[in-house]
Amino acid sequence: MAPTSIDATDDVVTLVNVFTVTPETQQRLVELLGRATEEVMRHRPGFVSANIHAGLDGTRVANYAQWRSVEDFRAALEDPVVREHIDEITTFATADPQLYRVVSTHHA
């Protein structure tokens, strides 16, 4: 799998999903998201990449994922296997998923 590339000229849609967890469940969510991405999400049509970030205070996990289109992302959400993972996550974490497009990048 190619590394994530963030470029305003790429024709992708970006999911930024910030989860709220307890410090005791942060690692569980990180592991679940990693497993779900590796075993399920990356095999769905339109998937480009995913990056999982653990908040330093232990109460947040952010998933930055790229998809070829909004339609591909929404179709993945309708997949029963994907829904199983989402349902498990919602038993101990709250999510705030939002879709974005990259409009600007800056580098040193």
N, C-alpha and C. Protein backbone atom coordinates (compact mmCIF):
# COMPACT_ATOMS: atom_id res chain seq x y z
N MET A 1 0.85 -1.17 0.00
CA MET A 1 0.00 0.00 0.00
C MET A 1 0.89 1.23 0.00
N ALA A 2 0.57 2.19 -0.82
CA ALA A 2 1.34 3.43 -0.91
C ALA A 2 1.10 4.28 0.33
N PRO A 3 2.10 5.05 0.74
CA PRO A 3 1.89 5.94 1.89
C PRO A 3 0.86 7.01 1.59
N THR A 4 0.28 7.54 2.63
CA THR A 4 -0.70 8.61 2.47
C THR A 4 -0.03 9.84 1.89
N SER A 5 -0.69 10.42 0.93
CA SER A 5 -0.23 11.66 0.32
C SER A 5 -1.34 12.69 0.49
N ILE A 6 -0.99 13.83 1.02
CA ILE A 6 -1.97 14.89 1.20
C ILE A 6 -1.64 16.00 0.20
N ASP A 7 -2.51 16.17 -0.77
CA ASP A 7 -2.25 17.09 -1.85
C ASP A 7 -3.58 17.69 -2.31
N ALA A 8 -3.64 19.00 -2.38
CA ALA A 8 -4.88 19.68 -2.78
C ALA A 8 -5.30 19.35 -4.20
N THR A 9 -4.38 18.83 -5.01
CA THR A 9 -4.74 18.48 -6.39
C THR A 9 -5.24 17.04 -6.53
N ASP A 10 -5.15 16.25 -5.45
CA ASP A 10 -5.66 14.87 -5.51
C ASP A 10 -7.18 14.88 -5.52
N ASP A 11 -7.74 14.00 -6.31
CA ASP A 11 -9.19 13.90 -6.41
C ASP A 11 -9.68 12.83 -5.43
N VAL A 12 -9.62 13.15 -4.14
CA VAL A 12 -10.07 12.24 -3.09
C VAL A 12 -10.94 13.00 -2.11
N VAL A 13 -11.69 12.24 -1.34
CA VAL A 13 -12.45 12.81 -0.23
C VAL A 13 -11.78 12.31 1.05
N THR A 14 -11.72 13.17 2.04
CA THR A 14 -11.02 12.85 3.28
C THR A 14 -12.01 12.74 4.43
N LEU A 15 -11.95 11.61 5.12
CA LEU A 15 -12.72 11.42 6.34
C LEU A 15 -11.81 11.77 7.51
N VAL A 16 -12.27 12.68 8.36
CA VAL A 16 -11.62 12.93 9.63
C VAL A 16 -12.66 12.55 10.69
N ASN A 17 -12.38 11.47 11.38
CA ASN A 17 -13.30 10.96 12.39
C ASN A 17 -12.60 11.02 13.73
N VAL A 18 -13.10 11.86 14.62
CA VAL A 18 -12.51 11.98 15.95
C VAL A 18 -13.41 11.24 16.94
N PHE A 19 -12.82 10.25 17.59
CA PHE A 19 -13.53 9.44 18.57
C PHE A 19 -13.18 9.93 19.97
N THR A 20 -14.15 9.89 20.85
CA THR A 20 -13.92 10.18 22.26
C THR A 20 -14.02 8.87 23.02
N VAL A 21 -13.00 8.62 23.85
CA VAL A 21 -12.91 7.38 24.62
C VAL A 21 -12.43 7.71 26.02
N THR A 22 -12.41 6.71 26.87
CA THR A 22 -11.75 6.86 28.16
C THR A 22 -10.29 6.44 27.97
N PRO A 23 -9.41 6.93 28.83
CA PRO A 23 -8.02 6.51 28.71
C PRO A 23 -7.86 4.97 28.77
N GLU A 24 -8.75 4.32 29.49
CA GLU A 24 -8.68 2.86 29.62
C GLU A 24 -9.07 2.14 28.33
N THR A 25 -9.82 2.80 27.45
CA THR A 25 -10.27 2.14 26.22
C THR A 25 -9.60 2.67 24.95
N GLN A 26 -8.71 3.65 25.10
CA GLN A 26 -8.07 4.22 23.91
C GLN A 26 -7.32 3.16 23.12
N GLN A 27 -6.49 2.37 23.77
CA GLN A 27 -5.70 1.37 23.05
C GLN A 27 -6.59 0.33 22.40
N ARG A 28 -7.68 -0.04 23.06
CA ARG A 28 -8.63 -0.99 22.46
C ARG A 28 -9.17 -0.44 21.14
N LEU A 29 -9.53 0.85 21.12
CA LEU A 29 -10.04 1.45 19.89
C LEU A 29 -8.96 1.52 18.82
N VAL A 30 -7.75 1.91 19.19
CA VAL A 30 -6.65 1.96 18.23
C VAL A 30 -6.47 0.58 17.58
N GLU A 31 -6.46 -0.46 18.39
CA GLU A 31 -6.28 -1.81 17.86
C GLU A 31 -7.45 -2.24 16.98
N LEU A 32 -8.67 -1.92 17.41
CA LEU A 32 -9.84 -2.28 16.62
C LEU A 32 -9.86 -1.56 15.28
N LEU A 33 -9.56 -0.27 15.28
CA LEU A 33 -9.51 0.47 14.03
C LEU A 33 -8.42 -0.06 13.11
N GLY A 34 -7.28 -0.38 13.67
CA GLY A 34 -6.19 -0.93 12.87
C GLY A 34 -6.56 -2.26 12.25
N ARG A 35 -7.16 -3.13 13.04
CA ARG A 35 -7.58 -4.44 12.53
C ARG A 35 -8.68 -4.30 11.49
N ALA A 36 -9.67 -3.47 11.77
CA ALA A 36 -10.77 -3.28 10.82
C ALA A 36 -10.26 -2.68 9.51
N THR A 37 -9.32 -1.77 9.60
CA THR A 37 -8.76 -1.17 8.38
C THR A 37 -7.99 -2.20 7.58
N GLU A 38 -7.14 -2.95 8.25
CA GLU A 38 -6.30 -3.93 7.56
C GLU A 38 -7.11 -5.09 6.98
N GLU A 39 -8.08 -5.58 7.74
CA GLU A 39 -8.83 -6.77 7.32
C GLU A 39 -10.04 -6.46 6.45
N VAL A 40 -10.63 -5.27 6.60
CA VAL A 40 -11.91 -4.99 5.94
C VAL A 40 -11.84 -3.74 5.05
N MET A 41 -11.60 -2.59 5.64
CA MET A 41 -11.77 -1.33 4.92
C MET A 41 -10.87 -1.21 3.70
N ARG A 42 -9.62 -1.60 3.83
CA ARG A 42 -8.69 -1.42 2.71
C ARG A 42 -9.04 -2.25 1.49
N HIS A 43 -9.94 -3.20 1.66
CA HIS A 43 -10.37 -4.05 0.55
C HIS A 43 -11.66 -3.56 -0.10
N ARG A 44 -12.22 -2.46 0.42
CA ARG A 44 -13.45 -1.92 -0.14
C ARG A 44 -13.13 -1.02 -1.33
N PRO A 45 -14.00 -1.04 -2.35
CA PRO A 45 -13.77 -0.19 -3.52
C PRO A 45 -13.64 1.28 -3.13
N GLY A 46 -12.65 1.94 -3.67
CA GLY A 46 -12.47 3.37 -3.44
C GLY A 46 -11.59 3.72 -2.26
N PHE A 47 -11.22 2.74 -1.44
CA PHE A 47 -10.35 3.03 -0.29
C PHE A 47 -8.97 3.43 -0.80
N VAL A 48 -8.41 4.48 -0.22
CA VAL A 48 -7.07 4.94 -0.60
C VAL A 48 -6.08 4.73 0.54
N SER A 49 -6.41 5.24 1.73
CA SER A 49 -5.49 5.12 2.86
C SER A 49 -6.22 5.44 4.16
N ALA A 50 -5.59 5.06 5.26
CA ALA A 50 -6.10 5.43 6.58
C ALA A 50 -4.92 5.60 7.53
N ASN A 51 -5.06 6.53 8.43
CA ASN A 51 -4.05 6.81 9.44
C ASN A 51 -4.75 7.00 10.77
N ILE A 52 -4.30 6.31 11.78
CA ILE A 52 -4.96 6.35 13.08
C ILE A 52 -4.02 7.05 14.05
N HIS A 53 -4.58 8.02 14.78
CA HIS A 53 -3.80 8.85 15.69
C HIS A 53 -4.38 8.73 17.10
N ALA A 54 -3.53 8.48 18.08
CA ALA A 54 -3.95 8.41 19.48
C ALA A 54 -3.64 9.74 20.15
N GLY A 55 -4.66 10.36 20.73
CA GLY A 55 -4.47 11.62 21.43
C GLY A 55 -3.58 11.44 22.65
N LEU A 56 -2.71 12.39 22.90
CA LEU A 56 -1.76 12.28 23.99
C LEU A 56 -2.41 12.26 25.36
N ASP A 57 -3.63 12.82 25.48
CA ASP A 57 -4.30 12.81 26.78
C ASP A 57 -5.09 11.53 27.03
N GLY A 58 -5.13 10.65 26.02
CA GLY A 58 -5.80 9.36 26.19
C GLY A 58 -7.29 9.36 25.93
N THR A 59 -7.88 10.52 25.62
CA THR A 59 -9.33 10.58 25.47
C THR A 59 -9.80 10.74 24.03
N ARG A 60 -8.88 10.77 23.09
CA ARG A 60 -9.26 10.93 21.69
C ARG A 60 -8.48 9.95 20.81
N VAL A 61 -9.14 9.54 19.74
CA VAL A 61 -8.49 8.80 18.66
C VAL A 61 -9.01 9.43 17.38
N ALA A 62 -8.11 9.78 16.48
CA ALA A 62 -8.52 10.37 15.21
C ALA A 62 -8.17 9.40 14.08
N ASN A 63 -9.11 9.26 13.17
CA ASN A 63 -8.89 8.46 11.96
C ASN A 63 -8.95 9.41 10.77
N TYR A 64 -7.84 9.50 10.07
CA TYR A 64 -7.73 10.32 8.86
C TYR A 64 -7.68 9.33 7.70
N ALA A 65 -8.75 9.27 6.91
CA ALA A 65 -8.83 8.29 5.84
C ALA A 65 -9.19 8.96 4.53
N GLN A 66 -8.66 8.44 3.45
CA GLN A 66 -8.95 8.98 2.13
C GLN A 66 -9.71 7.95 1.30
N TRP A 67 -10.69 8.45 0.55
CA TRP A 67 -11.51 7.63 -0.33
C TRP A 67 -11.57 8.29 -1.70
N ARG A 68 -11.75 7.51 -2.73
CA ARG A 68 -11.83 8.05 -4.09
C ARG A 68 -13.04 8.95 -4.29
N SER A 69 -14.15 8.65 -3.57
CA SER A 69 -15.35 9.47 -3.73
C SER A 69 -16.24 9.34 -2.50
N VAL A 70 -17.14 10.29 -2.36
CA VAL A 70 -18.14 10.23 -1.29
C VAL A 70 -18.98 8.97 -1.45
N GLU A 71 -19.30 8.62 -2.68
CA GLU A 71 -20.12 7.43 -2.94
C GLU A 71 -19.41 6.15 -2.48
N ASP A 72 -18.11 6.06 -2.73
CA ASP A 72 -17.35 4.89 -2.27
C ASP A 72 -17.38 4.80 -0.75
N PHE A 73 -17.18 5.93 -0.09
CA PHE A 73 -17.19 5.94 1.37
C PHE A 73 -18.57 5.52 1.90
N ARG A 74 -19.62 6.09 1.34
CA ARG A 74 -20.97 5.76 1.81
C ARG A 74 -21.33 4.31 1.53
N ALA A 75 -20.88 3.77 0.41
CA ALA A 75 -21.13 2.36 0.10
C ALA A 75 -20.44 1.47 1.12
N ALA A 76 -19.24 1.84 1.53
CA ALA A 76 -18.55 1.05 2.55
C ALA A 76 -19.34 1.03 3.85
N LEU A 77 -19.94 2.16 4.21
CA LEU A 77 -20.72 2.23 5.44
C LEU A 77 -21.95 1.33 5.41
N GLU A 78 -22.43 1.03 4.22
CA GLU A 78 -23.60 0.15 4.07
C GLU A 78 -23.25 -1.32 4.12
N ASP A 79 -21.97 -1.64 4.01
CA ASP A 79 -21.51 -3.03 4.02
C ASP A 79 -21.75 -3.64 5.40
N PRO A 80 -22.42 -4.79 5.48
CA PRO A 80 -22.70 -5.40 6.78
C PRO A 80 -21.45 -5.73 7.60
N VAL A 81 -20.37 -6.10 6.95
CA VAL A 81 -19.13 -6.39 7.69
C VAL A 81 -18.56 -5.12 8.29
N VAL A 82 -18.60 -4.04 7.56
CA VAL A 82 -18.15 -2.75 8.08
C VAL A 82 -19.05 -2.33 9.24
N ARG A 83 -20.34 -2.51 9.09
CA ARG A 83 -21.30 -2.14 10.14
C ARG A 83 -21.00 -2.88 11.45
N GLU A 84 -20.56 -4.12 11.36
CA GLU A 84 -20.22 -4.88 12.57
C GLU A 84 -19.13 -4.16 13.37
N HIS A 85 -18.11 -3.68 12.67
CA HIS A 85 -17.03 -2.96 13.35
C HIS A 85 -17.53 -1.64 13.92
N ILE A 86 -18.34 -0.93 13.18
CA ILE A 86 -18.88 0.34 13.67
C ILE A 86 -19.73 0.10 14.90
N ASP A 87 -20.57 -0.93 14.86
CA ASP A 87 -21.43 -1.22 16.00
C ASP A 87 -20.62 -1.56 17.24
N GLU A 88 -19.52 -2.30 17.07
CA GLU A 88 -18.67 -2.63 18.21
C GLU A 88 -18.03 -1.36 18.79
N ILE A 89 -17.55 -0.50 17.92
CA ILE A 89 -16.90 0.74 18.37
C ILE A 89 -17.86 1.60 19.17
N THR A 90 -19.10 1.70 18.72
CA THR A 90 -20.06 2.59 19.39
C THR A 90 -20.48 2.08 20.77
N THR A 91 -20.06 0.88 21.14
CA THR A 91 -20.37 0.40 22.49
C THR A 91 -19.47 1.06 23.53
N PHE A 92 -18.33 1.64 23.11
CA PHE A 92 -17.44 2.25 24.10
C PHE A 92 -16.81 3.57 23.65
N ALA A 93 -17.16 4.04 22.46
CA ALA A 93 -16.60 5.30 21.97
C ALA A 93 -17.68 6.09 21.25
N THR A 94 -17.56 7.41 21.29
CA THR A 94 -18.43 8.25 20.49
C THR A 94 -17.60 8.78 19.32
N ALA A 95 -18.26 8.98 18.19
CA ALA A 95 -17.55 9.39 16.98
C ALA A 95 -18.12 10.70 16.44
N ASP A 96 -17.26 11.44 15.76
CA ASP A 96 -17.67 12.66 15.08
C ASP A 96 -17.07 12.64 13.68
N PRO A 97 -17.65 11.82 12.77
CA PRO A 97 -17.09 11.71 11.41
C PRO A 97 -17.53 12.87 10.53
N GLN A 98 -16.56 13.43 9.81
CA GLN A 98 -16.84 14.52 8.87
C GLN A 98 -16.02 14.28 7.60
N LEU A 99 -16.61 14.62 6.46
CA LEU A 99 -15.91 14.50 5.18
C LEU A 99 -15.36 15.85 4.76
N TYR A 100 -14.15 15.84 4.20
CA TYR A 100 -13.47 17.07 3.80
C TYR A 100 -12.84 16.89 2.42
N ARG A 101 -12.44 18.01 1.84
CA ARG A 101 -11.56 18.00 0.68
C ARG A 101 -10.37 18.85 1.05
N VAL A 102 -9.21 18.44 0.63
CA VAL A 102 -7.99 19.19 0.92
C VAL A 102 -7.97 20.42 0.03
N VAL A 103 -7.79 21.58 0.65
CA VAL A 103 -7.76 22.83 -0.13
C VAL A 103 -6.38 23.50 -0.09
N SER A 104 -5.52 23.09 0.86
CA SER A 104 -4.22 23.72 0.95
C SER A 104 -3.30 22.84 1.78
N THR A 105 -2.05 22.74 1.37
CA THR A 105 -1.03 22.06 2.16
C THR A 105 0.20 22.94 2.24
N HIS A 106 0.95 22.81 3.32
CA HIS A 106 2.14 23.65 3.54
C HIS A 106 3.23 22.78 4.16
N HIS A 107 4.46 22.98 3.74
CA HIS A 107 5.57 22.17 4.22
C HIS A 107 6.76 23.06 4.53
N ALA A 108 7.62 22.58 5.42
CA ALA A 108 8.84 23.31 5.77
C ALA A 108 9.84 23.20 4.64
